[in-house]
Protein backbone atom coordinates (compact mmCIF):
# COMPACT_ATOMS: atom_id res chain seq x y z
CA MET A 1 -21.29 -1.26 1.87
CA THR A 2 -18.88 -1.89 -0.99
CA LYS A 3 -17.68 -5.63 -1.26
CA PHE A 4 -14.11 -6.41 -1.85
CA ASN A 5 -12.99 -9.47 -3.98
CA TRP A 6 -9.76 -9.79 -2.10
CA LYS A 7 -9.30 -13.46 -1.83
CA SER A 8 -9.67 -13.74 -5.45
CA LEU A 9 -7.54 -10.94 -6.35
CA LEU A 10 -4.75 -11.79 -3.85
CA LYS A 11 -4.80 -15.52 -4.97
CA GLU A 12 -4.47 -14.22 -8.62
CA PHE A 13 -1.50 -12.25 -7.61
CA SER A 14 0.05 -15.04 -5.86
CA ARG A 15 -0.55 -17.25 -9.03
CA LYS A 16 1.32 -14.83 -11.24
CA LEU A 17 4.26 -14.53 -8.79
CA ILE A 18 4.58 -18.16 -8.35
CA GLU A 19 4.40 -18.82 -12.30
CA GLU A 20 6.71 -15.99 -13.03
CA ARG A 21 9.44 -16.90 -10.44
CA ASP A 22 12.91 -17.84 -10.96
CA GLU A 23 13.34 -20.76 -8.89
CA GLU A 24 16.99 -20.20 -8.20
CA ASP A 25 16.09 -16.88 -6.53
CA TRP A 26 13.00 -17.65 -4.77
CA GLU A 27 12.44 -19.84 -1.72
CA LEU A 28 8.73 -20.88 -1.61
CA THR A 29 7.42 -23.89 0.60
CA PRO A 30 5.64 -26.58 -1.30
CA VAL A 31 2.55 -25.52 0.64
CA MET A 32 2.67 -21.85 -0.92
CA VAL A 33 3.11 -23.41 -4.32
CA LYS A 34 0.18 -25.80 -4.13
CA SER A 35 -2.12 -23.54 -2.38
CA THR A 36 -1.11 -20.54 -4.68
CA TRP A 37 -1.15 -18.06 -1.59
CA LEU A 38 1.62 -16.09 -0.77
CA GLY A 39 -0.48 -14.14 2.09
CA TYR A 40 -0.50 -14.66 5.82
CA PRO A 41 -3.28 -15.97 7.75
CA ALA A 42 -5.96 -13.39 8.35
CA ALA A 43 -6.00 -10.69 11.06
CA SER A 44 -8.68 -11.43 13.71
CA GLU A 45 -11.21 -8.24 14.21
CA ALA A 46 -9.48 -7.77 17.76
CA GLU A 47 -6.20 -7.29 16.10
CA ILE A 48 -7.65 -4.62 13.52
CA VAL A 49 -9.25 -3.11 16.29
CA GLU A 50 -6.23 -3.05 18.54
CA ALA A 51 -4.11 -1.48 15.72
CA GLU A 52 -6.94 1.25 15.20
CA THR A 53 -6.80 2.09 18.91
CA ARG A 54 -3.10 2.29 19.00
CA LEU A 55 -3.16 4.60 16.22
CA ASN A 56 -6.16 6.27 17.19
CA THR A 57 -7.97 6.03 13.78
CA ARG A 58 -10.40 3.66 11.71
CA PHE A 59 -9.04 1.98 8.81
CA PRO A 60 -10.47 2.68 5.30
CA PRO A 61 -12.93 -0.25 4.49
CA SER A 62 -10.87 -1.87 1.50
CA TYR A 63 -7.76 -1.95 3.90
CA ARG A 64 -9.68 -3.47 6.83
CA ALA A 65 -10.97 -5.92 4.34
CA PHE A 66 -7.47 -6.72 3.19
CA LEU A 67 -6.33 -7.31 6.71
CA ALA A 68 -9.30 -9.77 7.40
CA ILE A 69 -7.96 -11.77 4.37
CA SER A 70 -4.14 -11.50 4.97
CA ASN A 71 -2.55 -9.83 8.00
CA GLY A 72 0.16 -8.27 5.73
CA TRP A 73 2.10 -9.82 2.77
CA ARG A 74 5.50 -11.53 2.56
CA ASN A 75 8.69 -9.65 1.58
CA SER A 76 10.66 -11.40 -0.80
CA ASP A 77 13.26 -10.77 -3.67
CA TRP A 78 10.34 -10.87 -6.14
CA THR A 79 7.93 -8.74 -4.37
CA GLU A 80 10.21 -5.85 -3.42
CA MET A 81 8.05 -4.72 -0.50
CA HIS A 82 6.43 -5.99 2.71
CA LEU A 83 3.02 -5.15 3.53
CA TYR A 84 2.92 -4.54 7.15
CA SER A 85 0.66 -6.66 9.62
CA THR A 86 -1.46 -4.91 12.29
CA SER A 87 1.43 -4.88 14.65
CA GLU A 88 3.73 -3.02 12.36
CA ILE A 89 1.62 -0.31 10.79
CA ASP A 90 2.24 3.20 12.02
CA TRP A 91 2.24 6.93 11.07
CA PHE A 92 4.89 7.73 8.26
CA ALA A 93 6.06 10.65 10.61
CA SER A 94 6.85 8.02 13.47
CA ARG A 95 9.59 6.48 11.16
CA ASN A 96 10.44 8.97 8.43
CA GLN A 97 10.40 12.38 9.84
CA GLU A 98 13.61 13.28 7.90
CA TRP A 99 12.08 12.01 4.53
CA ILE A 100 9.21 14.28 5.45
CA ASP A 101 11.35 17.36 6.01
CA ALA A 102 13.34 16.70 2.86
CA TRP A 103 10.12 16.92 0.75
CA GLN A 104 8.94 19.82 2.58
CA SER A 105 12.04 21.85 2.47
CA THR A 106 11.45 23.50 -1.01
CA ASP A 107 9.04 26.19 -1.41
CA GLN A 108 6.46 24.82 -4.03
CA PRO A 109 2.82 25.90 -4.33
CA THR A 110 -0.03 23.75 -3.28
CA ILE A 111 -1.24 21.62 -6.23
CA SER A 112 -4.39 22.77 -7.54
CA ASP A 113 -7.48 20.31 -7.21
CA GLU A 114 -7.69 20.04 -11.10
CA LYS A 115 -4.27 18.76 -11.23
CA TYR A 116 -4.41 16.70 -8.04
CA PHE A 117 -7.56 14.90 -8.28
CA VAL A 118 -6.43 12.95 -11.72
CA TYR A 119 -6.37 9.27 -11.25
CA GLY A 120 -5.17 6.58 -13.58
CA ALA A 121 -3.01 6.83 -16.70
CA ASP A 122 -3.65 10.61 -16.93
CA GLN A 123 -2.08 11.43 -13.72
CA ASP A 124 1.30 13.03 -13.28
CA CYS A 125 3.05 11.67 -10.28
CA ILE A 126 4.82 15.15 -9.67
CA HIS A 127 1.27 16.46 -8.64
CA LEU A 128 1.25 15.41 -4.83
CA ARG A 129 0.46 17.30 -1.85
CA ARG A 130 3.44 17.15 0.11
CA GLU A 131 1.81 18.27 3.48
CA TYR A 132 0.02 15.02 3.27
CA LEU A 133 3.15 13.16 4.22
CA SER A 134 2.72 14.24 7.83
CA THR A 135 -0.37 12.48 8.30
CA ALA A 136 0.04 9.45 6.20
CA LEU A 137 -0.21 6.09 7.24
CA GLU A 138 2.66 3.94 6.40
CA ILE A 139 1.43 0.35 5.39
CA SER A 140 4.65 -1.15 3.90
CA SER A 141 8.51 -1.53 4.20
CA GLY A 142 10.44 -0.10 1.58
CA SER A 143 12.33 -1.57 -1.26
CA GLY A 144 15.69 -0.98 -2.23
CA ASP A 145 14.78 2.29 -3.79
CA SER A 146 12.56 2.98 -0.63
CA ASP A 147 9.37 2.64 -2.56
CA ILE A 148 6.55 2.57 0.07
CA PHE A 149 2.61 2.58 0.21
CA LEU A 150 0.78 4.90 2.11
CA LEU A 151 -2.77 5.57 2.96
CA ILE A 152 -3.79 9.41 3.10
CA PRO A 153 -6.70 10.19 5.49
CA GLU A 154 -6.51 13.74 4.20
CA VAL A 155 -8.36 12.55 1.20
CA VAL A 156 -11.42 10.50 2.08
CA SER A 157 -14.10 9.35 -0.54
CA GLU A 158 -17.90 9.09 0.34
CA THR A 159 -17.53 5.36 0.93
CA GLY A 160 -14.85 6.00 3.62
CA GLU A 161 -11.95 5.07 1.33
CA TRP A 162 -8.63 6.97 1.81
CA GLU A 163 -6.50 7.73 -1.19
CA ALA A 164 -3.66 5.33 -1.42
CA TRP A 165 -0.01 6.30 -2.61
CA HIS A 166 2.92 4.52 -4.18
CA PHE A 167 5.46 6.73 -3.02
CA GLY A 168 9.30 6.52 -3.38
CA ASN A 169 12.54 8.11 -3.89
CA LYS A 170 12.94 7.08 -7.44
CA LEU A 171 9.80 8.78 -8.20
CA PRO A 172 9.45 12.48 -8.56
CA GLY A 173 6.27 12.11 -6.25
CA ALA A 174 3.75 9.48 -5.85
CA TYR A 175 1.43 7.31 -7.85
CA ARG A 176 -2.03 8.03 -6.35
CA TYR A 177 -5.09 5.76 -6.34
CA ARG A 178 -8.84 6.33 -4.99
CA SER A 179 -8.37 3.62 -2.52
CA PHE A 180 -5.97 0.76 -1.32
CA TYR A 181 -8.20 -1.87 -3.24
CA GLU A 182 -7.47 0.21 -6.72
CA LEU A 183 -3.75 0.46 -5.83
CA MET A 184 -3.76 -3.50 -5.39
CA GLU A 185 -5.70 -4.04 -8.41
CA LYS A 186 -2.76 -2.11 -10.11
CA VAL A 187 -0.11 -4.29 -8.37
CA THR A 188 -1.95 -7.62 -9.64
CA GLU A 189 -2.20 -6.18 -13.07
CA GLN A 190 1.36 -5.52 -13.07
CA GLY A 191 2.49 -8.69 -11.25
CA CYS A 192 4.65 -7.08 -8.87
CA PHE A 193 4.61 -4.21 -6.16
CA ILE A 194 6.81 -1.90 -8.05
CA LEU A 195 4.65 -0.06 -10.37
């Protein structure tokens, strides 16, 4: 089983955000600043299982491990996005069918595996498989430009990880990652949710 260093990664993300904040725009409690923690309390195993049961799925390992450290992530002026708690997670189609319809309304061929399965700096965000939007799991609220994070159950690694997307209207597609953990490593590196 893969070990995820969520506590360390999220503490580093919190530290960066706290250090780089504009104190006039950010409302942080003294406890948040002192603890360098902007996450929420952990979700219990029962809360995670309840969400999985409600959605009739099992979350990928890195996402389950994240929820067991922080049941979502705070929305604020500086993070642009709110990562959902176990009670808020839902299928993308449940809230965004019009968005899906808009993306699927044009005739474009399916992207080849050679173009699709490229990750990191070499990927082109226009190479997404629009058909995956119908089965995507929505794990965040959108920012002003409607950027959101999606987990894609159509692309599962040997270790059970689902592909993760940073998807939004300001992009001509989605930046894709092999897992939610890989996406959040990039978020921490950038110091914000907008990549």
